[in-house]
Structures are given as C-alpha cells and as structure tokens.
Amino acid sequence: YVRWGRTTCPTDATLVYDGIAGGSHYTHSGGGANYVCLPHDPEWGVFTDGNQGTAYMQGAEYQLSYGNSPFVTSLHDHDVPCAVCHVASRGSKLMIPARVSCPSGWTPEDTGYLM
C-alpha cells in the first residue's frame, strides 16, 4: 500500500521504496485520475532524451500559499513524498512506475510502458 505524505512505514510493515507523488498536470486533460508513487531511482526502458511533447508525468507539490496550512512550517511548493509499504502476512500485488526490475524478494509478473 502507499502512504501519501510519508517517507516511512508503520512498525508492522516493511518499506519497499519511497518516492515522490506524480501524475498529470492540473491544466492538462486526458491524464490518469490517480497519483502514482514515483521512485527516486527510475530505470529507463527505450526512450528518446528530451521533451517529446506528450505523455507528461509531473511531480506533485503542496499548494498552501493562502494561509490554509495546518502545519507550523510551510510546506508550500514542497514535493509530496510517498512510501510504498508491505505487510508480509497479507496478499499483495504492486506496480512500480519508472522501474524495469523488481525489489529483492519480489517476482516480476509483467513488463511494459505506463501510458
């Protein structure tokens, strides 16, 4: 499971990886509805370097510039962290974006491009 806004897991879970929340830009149409937890260490498949003008993936940031922050320290424009956690006693499946390999102890079931 994903803990949004966190970089660690509860004591009953193991950290699979931590990263940054990502998704489509708020002004772009046609993107996915759900955020994904992007790992800090992506692995690239076949790609062309540079801006291709399509299929954007944006990092999410906190927008708290109007005095509506419940926190003592402002998080305005800070990246939104995420932690992917695993509890071994429960069944699990996991799709890791921006990776072509599995963490140690996991078995790959599929491969491809997230579109």
N, C-alpha and C. Protein backbone atom coordinates (compact mmCIF):
# COMPACT_ATOMS: atom_id res chain seq x y z
N TYR A 1 0.83 -1.18 0.00
CA TYR A 1 0.00 0.00 0.00
C TYR A 1 0.88 1.24 0.00
N VAL A 2 0.27 2.38 -0.36
CA VAL A 2 1.03 3.63 -0.44
C VAL A 2 0.63 4.54 0.71
N ARG A 3 1.61 5.08 1.39
CA ARG A 3 1.38 6.10 2.42
C ARG A 3 1.74 7.44 1.79
N TRP A 4 0.73 8.21 1.44
CA TRP A 4 0.94 9.52 0.83
C TRP A 4 1.35 10.52 1.89
N GLY A 5 2.33 11.35 1.57
CA GLY A 5 2.80 12.35 2.52
C GLY A 5 3.78 11.82 3.55
N ARG A 6 4.23 10.59 3.37
CA ARG A 6 5.15 9.94 4.32
C ARG A 6 6.35 9.36 3.58
N THR A 7 7.43 9.15 4.32
CA THR A 7 8.62 8.51 3.76
C THR A 7 8.96 7.21 4.49
N THR A 8 8.17 6.85 5.48
CA THR A 8 8.39 5.64 6.27
C THR A 8 7.10 4.85 6.38
N CYS A 9 7.23 3.62 6.87
CA CYS A 9 6.08 2.74 7.08
C CYS A 9 5.85 2.53 8.57
N PRO A 10 4.64 2.12 8.95
CA PRO A 10 4.40 1.77 10.35
C PRO A 10 5.26 0.58 10.76
N THR A 11 5.35 0.31 12.03
CA THR A 11 6.24 -0.74 12.54
C THR A 11 5.85 -2.14 12.07
N ASP A 12 4.59 -2.37 11.67
CA ASP A 12 4.18 -3.70 11.22
C ASP A 12 4.40 -3.90 9.72
N ALA A 13 5.00 -2.94 9.04
CA ALA A 13 5.20 -3.02 7.59
C ALA A 13 6.66 -2.77 7.23
N THR A 14 7.05 -3.26 6.05
CA THR A 14 8.39 -3.07 5.51
C THR A 14 8.34 -2.06 4.38
N LEU A 15 9.31 -1.16 4.34
CA LEU A 15 9.40 -0.19 3.26
C LEU A 15 9.90 -0.89 2.00
N VAL A 16 9.12 -0.84 0.91
CA VAL A 16 9.55 -1.37 -0.38
C VAL A 16 10.38 -0.31 -1.08
N TYR A 17 9.87 0.93 -1.14
CA TYR A 17 10.61 2.09 -1.64
C TYR A 17 9.88 3.36 -1.24
N ASP A 18 10.59 4.45 -1.25
CA ASP A 18 9.95 5.75 -1.04
C ASP A 18 10.18 6.59 -2.29
N GLY A 19 9.36 7.59 -2.48
CA GLY A 19 9.46 8.39 -3.68
C GLY A 19 8.68 9.69 -3.59
N ILE A 20 8.24 10.14 -4.74
CA ILE A 20 7.52 11.40 -4.88
C ILE A 20 6.20 11.13 -5.61
N ALA A 21 5.11 11.72 -5.14
CA ALA A 21 3.82 11.57 -5.81
C ALA A 21 3.89 12.24 -7.18
N GLY A 22 3.31 11.59 -8.18
CA GLY A 22 3.31 12.14 -9.53
C GLY A 22 2.01 11.85 -10.24
N GLY A 23 1.72 12.65 -11.24
CA GLY A 23 0.51 12.48 -12.04
C GLY A 23 0.49 13.50 -13.16
N SER A 24 -0.68 13.71 -13.71
CA SER A 24 -0.80 14.68 -14.79
C SER A 24 -0.89 16.10 -14.22
N HIS A 25 -0.50 17.08 -15.03
CA HIS A 25 -0.57 18.49 -14.63
C HIS A 25 -2.03 18.90 -14.51
N TYR A 26 -2.34 19.74 -13.55
CA TYR A 26 -3.73 20.10 -13.30
C TYR A 26 -4.39 20.83 -14.48
N THR A 27 -3.62 21.39 -15.39
CA THR A 27 -4.22 22.07 -16.54
C THR A 27 -4.28 21.18 -17.79
N HIS A 28 -3.76 19.96 -17.71
CA HIS A 28 -3.75 19.07 -18.87
C HIS A 28 -4.91 18.10 -18.80
N SER A 29 -5.56 17.88 -19.93
CA SER A 29 -6.65 16.91 -19.98
C SER A 29 -6.12 15.56 -20.45
N GLY A 30 -6.87 14.51 -20.15
CA GLY A 30 -6.53 13.18 -20.64
C GLY A 30 -5.59 12.38 -19.78
N GLY A 31 -5.13 12.91 -18.66
CA GLY A 31 -4.23 12.16 -17.80
C GLY A 31 -4.98 11.20 -16.89
N GLY A 32 -4.24 10.38 -16.19
CA GLY A 32 -4.84 9.44 -15.25
C GLY A 32 -5.46 10.15 -14.06
N ALA A 33 -6.42 9.49 -13.43
CA ALA A 33 -7.11 10.08 -12.29
C ALA A 33 -6.35 9.90 -10.98
N ASN A 34 -5.53 8.86 -10.89
CA ASN A 34 -4.84 8.55 -9.65
C ASN A 34 -3.38 8.97 -9.70
N TYR A 35 -2.87 9.36 -8.56
CA TYR A 35 -1.44 9.60 -8.43
C TYR A 35 -0.70 8.27 -8.41
N VAL A 36 0.58 8.30 -8.76
CA VAL A 36 1.46 7.15 -8.61
C VAL A 36 2.64 7.58 -7.74
N CYS A 37 3.25 6.62 -7.07
CA CYS A 37 4.42 6.90 -6.24
C CYS A 37 5.65 6.64 -7.11
N LEU A 38 6.28 7.70 -7.58
CA LEU A 38 7.44 7.60 -8.46
C LEU A 38 8.70 7.36 -7.64
N PRO A 39 9.46 6.32 -7.94
CA PRO A 39 10.68 6.06 -7.16
C PRO A 39 11.75 7.11 -7.44
N HIS A 40 12.63 7.30 -6.47
CA HIS A 40 13.73 8.25 -6.63
C HIS A 40 14.77 7.77 -7.64
N ASP A 41 14.79 6.47 -7.92
CA ASP A 41 15.81 5.91 -8.80
C ASP A 41 15.17 5.21 -10.00
N PRO A 42 14.63 5.96 -10.96
CA PRO A 42 13.96 5.34 -12.10
C PRO A 42 14.94 4.52 -12.94
N GLU A 43 14.39 3.52 -13.61
CA GLU A 43 15.13 2.73 -14.59
C GLU A 43 14.46 2.96 -15.94
N TRP A 44 15.24 3.34 -16.92
CA TRP A 44 14.67 3.71 -18.21
C TRP A 44 14.66 2.53 -19.16
N GLY A 45 13.54 2.35 -19.86
CA GLY A 45 13.47 1.39 -20.97
C GLY A 45 13.95 2.11 -22.21
N VAL A 46 13.36 1.82 -23.33
CA VAL A 46 13.68 2.50 -24.58
C VAL A 46 13.08 3.89 -24.53
N PHE A 47 13.90 4.91 -24.77
CA PHE A 47 13.39 6.28 -24.70
C PHE A 47 14.22 7.19 -25.59
N THR A 48 13.66 8.36 -25.87
CA THR A 48 14.36 9.42 -26.56
C THR A 48 14.52 10.56 -25.58
N ASP A 49 15.73 10.97 -25.32
CA ASP A 49 16.00 12.02 -24.34
C ASP A 49 15.38 13.34 -24.79
N GLY A 50 14.93 14.11 -23.83
CA GLY A 50 14.38 15.44 -24.11
C GLY A 50 12.86 15.44 -24.12
N ASN A 51 12.28 16.60 -24.29
CA ASN A 51 10.84 16.80 -24.28
C ASN A 51 10.24 16.31 -25.61
N GLN A 52 9.31 15.36 -25.53
CA GLN A 52 8.67 14.82 -26.72
C GLN A 52 7.30 15.42 -26.97
N GLY A 53 6.82 16.25 -26.05
CA GLY A 53 5.54 16.94 -26.23
C GLY A 53 4.31 16.13 -25.88
N THR A 54 4.47 14.92 -25.36
CA THR A 54 3.32 14.09 -24.99
C THR A 54 3.65 13.27 -23.75
N ALA A 55 2.62 12.67 -23.18
CA ALA A 55 2.76 11.72 -22.07
C ALA A 55 3.53 12.30 -20.89
N TYR A 56 3.14 13.46 -20.44
CA TYR A 56 3.82 14.11 -19.32
C TYR A 56 3.50 13.44 -17.99
N MET A 57 4.49 13.37 -17.14
CA MET A 57 4.32 12.93 -15.75
C MET A 57 4.92 14.02 -14.89
N GLN A 58 4.09 14.65 -14.07
CA GLN A 58 4.52 15.77 -13.24
C GLN A 58 4.64 15.33 -11.78
N GLY A 59 5.63 15.84 -11.09
CA GLY A 59 5.71 15.64 -9.66
C GLY A 59 4.66 16.50 -8.97
N ALA A 60 4.04 15.99 -7.93
CA ALA A 60 3.03 16.75 -7.19
C ALA A 60 3.70 17.60 -6.12
N GLU A 61 3.14 18.78 -5.88
CA GLU A 61 3.63 19.69 -4.85
C GLU A 61 2.47 20.15 -3.98
N TYR A 62 2.78 20.45 -2.74
CA TYR A 62 1.78 21.06 -1.86
C TYR A 62 1.58 22.51 -2.29
N GLN A 63 0.33 22.95 -2.33
CA GLN A 63 -0.01 24.34 -2.64
C GLN A 63 -0.77 24.91 -1.45
N LEU A 64 -0.06 25.58 -0.58
CA LEU A 64 -0.63 26.10 0.66
C LEU A 64 -0.29 27.58 0.84
N SER A 65 -0.44 28.34 -0.23
CA SER A 65 0.03 29.73 -0.19
C SER A 65 -1.01 30.72 0.33
N TYR A 66 -2.21 30.26 0.65
CA TYR A 66 -3.26 31.19 1.03
C TYR A 66 -3.58 31.16 2.52
N GLY A 67 -2.59 30.84 3.33
CA GLY A 67 -2.79 30.83 4.78
C GLY A 67 -3.62 29.66 5.28
N ASN A 68 -3.77 28.63 4.45
CA ASN A 68 -4.60 27.49 4.85
C ASN A 68 -3.79 26.28 5.31
N SER A 69 -2.55 26.49 5.72
CA SER A 69 -1.70 25.38 6.14
C SER A 69 -1.94 25.05 7.61
N PRO A 70 -2.20 23.77 7.92
CA PRO A 70 -2.36 23.37 9.32
C PRO A 70 -1.02 23.12 10.01
N PHE A 71 0.08 23.30 9.29
CA PHE A 71 1.40 22.97 9.81
C PHE A 71 2.14 24.21 10.30
N VAL A 72 3.03 24.03 11.27
CA VAL A 72 3.84 25.13 11.79
C VAL A 72 4.80 25.62 10.72
N THR A 73 5.45 24.69 10.04
CA THR A 73 6.37 25.02 8.95
C THR A 73 5.61 24.93 7.63
N SER A 74 5.80 25.90 6.77
CA SER A 74 5.10 25.89 5.50
C SER A 74 5.62 24.79 4.58
N LEU A 75 4.70 24.06 3.98
CA LEU A 75 5.06 23.03 3.00
C LEU A 75 4.79 23.52 1.58
N HIS A 76 4.46 24.79 1.43
CA HIS A 76 4.12 25.33 0.11
C HIS A 76 5.23 25.06 -0.90
N ASP A 77 4.86 24.52 -2.05
CA ASP A 77 5.75 24.18 -3.16
C ASP A 77 6.74 23.06 -2.84
N HIS A 78 6.56 22.33 -1.74
CA HIS A 78 7.40 21.17 -1.45
C HIS A 78 6.83 19.95 -2.16
N ASP A 79 7.70 19.03 -2.60
CA ASP A 79 7.24 17.78 -3.20
C ASP A 79 6.41 16.98 -2.20
N VAL A 80 5.47 16.20 -2.72
CA VAL A 80 4.65 15.33 -1.87
C VAL A 80 5.34 13.97 -1.80
N PRO A 81 5.85 13.59 -0.63
CA PRO A 81 6.52 12.29 -0.51
C PRO A 81 5.52 11.15 -0.47
N CYS A 82 6.01 9.95 -0.72
CA CYS A 82 5.18 8.76 -0.59
C CYS A 82 6.08 7.59 -0.19
N ALA A 83 5.49 6.64 0.49
CA ALA A 83 6.20 5.43 0.89
C ALA A 83 5.34 4.23 0.50
N VAL A 84 5.93 3.26 -0.19
CA VAL A 84 5.23 2.04 -0.54
C VAL A 84 5.61 0.99 0.50
N CYS A 85 4.60 0.49 1.20
CA CYS A 85 4.81 -0.41 2.33
C CYS A 85 4.24 -1.79 2.04
N HIS A 86 4.83 -2.80 2.68
CA HIS A 86 4.39 -4.19 2.50
C HIS A 86 4.28 -4.87 3.85
N VAL A 87 3.17 -5.58 4.04
CA VAL A 87 2.97 -6.41 5.23
C VAL A 87 2.98 -7.86 4.75
N ALA A 88 4.00 -8.62 5.16
CA ALA A 88 4.24 -9.96 4.62
C ALA A 88 3.08 -10.93 4.87
N SER A 89 2.32 -10.73 5.93
CA SER A 89 1.24 -11.67 6.25
C SER A 89 -0.01 -11.45 5.41
N ARG A 90 0.00 -10.44 4.54
CA ARG A 90 -1.16 -10.15 3.69
C ARG A 90 -0.79 -10.38 2.22
N GLY A 91 -1.76 -10.80 1.43
CA GLY A 91 -1.53 -10.93 0.00
C GLY A 91 -1.22 -9.56 -0.60
N SER A 92 -0.42 -9.54 -1.65
CA SER A 92 -0.06 -8.24 -2.21
C SER A 92 0.28 -8.34 -3.68
N LYS A 93 0.05 -7.26 -4.37
CA LYS A 93 0.49 -7.05 -5.74
C LYS A 93 0.95 -5.61 -5.81
N LEU A 94 1.86 -5.33 -6.72
CA LEU A 94 2.45 -4.00 -6.75
C LEU A 94 2.90 -3.65 -8.15
N MET A 95 2.53 -2.47 -8.63
CA MET A 95 3.03 -1.93 -9.88
C MET A 95 3.94 -0.77 -9.51
N ILE A 96 5.20 -0.84 -9.91
CA ILE A 96 6.15 0.22 -9.61
C ILE A 96 6.42 0.99 -10.90
N PRO A 97 5.98 2.25 -10.97
CA PRO A 97 6.23 3.03 -12.18
C PRO A 97 7.70 3.39 -12.30
N ALA A 98 8.17 3.56 -13.52
CA ALA A 98 9.53 4.02 -13.81
C ALA A 98 10.61 3.03 -13.36
N ARG A 99 10.27 1.74 -13.33
CA ARG A 99 11.24 0.71 -13.00
C ARG A 99 11.06 -0.47 -13.95
N VAL A 100 12.16 -1.14 -14.29
CA VAL A 100 12.09 -2.34 -15.13
C VAL A 100 12.53 -3.58 -14.35
N SER A 101 12.84 -3.42 -13.08
CA SER A 101 13.22 -4.56 -12.25
C SER A 101 12.43 -4.52 -10.95
N CYS A 102 12.40 -5.65 -10.28
CA CYS A 102 11.68 -5.78 -9.01
C CYS A 102 12.64 -5.65 -7.83
N PRO A 103 12.11 -5.21 -6.68
CA PRO A 103 12.93 -5.23 -5.47
C PRO A 103 13.28 -6.67 -5.10
N SER A 104 14.30 -6.84 -4.33
CA SER A 104 14.73 -8.16 -3.88
C SER A 104 13.58 -8.88 -3.20
N GLY A 105 13.37 -10.14 -3.56
CA GLY A 105 12.32 -10.94 -2.95
C GLY A 105 10.98 -10.87 -3.68
N TRP A 106 10.86 -10.04 -4.69
CA TRP A 106 9.63 -9.91 -5.47
C TRP A 106 9.83 -10.58 -6.82
N THR A 107 8.74 -11.05 -7.42
CA THR A 107 8.79 -11.74 -8.70
C THR A 107 8.07 -10.92 -9.77
N PRO A 108 8.75 -10.67 -10.90
CA PRO A 108 8.06 -9.92 -11.96
C PRO A 108 6.96 -10.74 -12.62
N GLU A 109 5.82 -10.14 -12.85
CA GLU A 109 4.70 -10.80 -13.49
C GLU A 109 4.39 -10.19 -14.86
N ASP A 110 4.85 -8.98 -15.10
CA ASP A 110 4.53 -8.28 -16.35
C ASP A 110 5.57 -7.19 -16.55
N THR A 111 5.66 -6.71 -17.77
CA THR A 111 6.55 -5.60 -18.08
C THR A 111 5.91 -4.77 -19.17
N GLY A 112 6.27 -3.53 -19.26
CA GLY A 112 5.72 -2.69 -20.30
C GLY A 112 5.89 -1.22 -19.97
N TYR A 113 5.17 -0.41 -20.71
CA TYR A 113 5.24 1.05 -20.53
C TYR A 113 3.93 1.56 -19.95
N LEU A 114 4.04 2.41 -18.97
CA LEU A 114 2.88 3.04 -18.35
C LEU A 114 2.44 4.18 -19.26
N MET A 115 1.27 4.07 -19.84
CA MET A 115 0.79 5.07 -20.81
C MET A 115 -0.45 5.76 -20.30
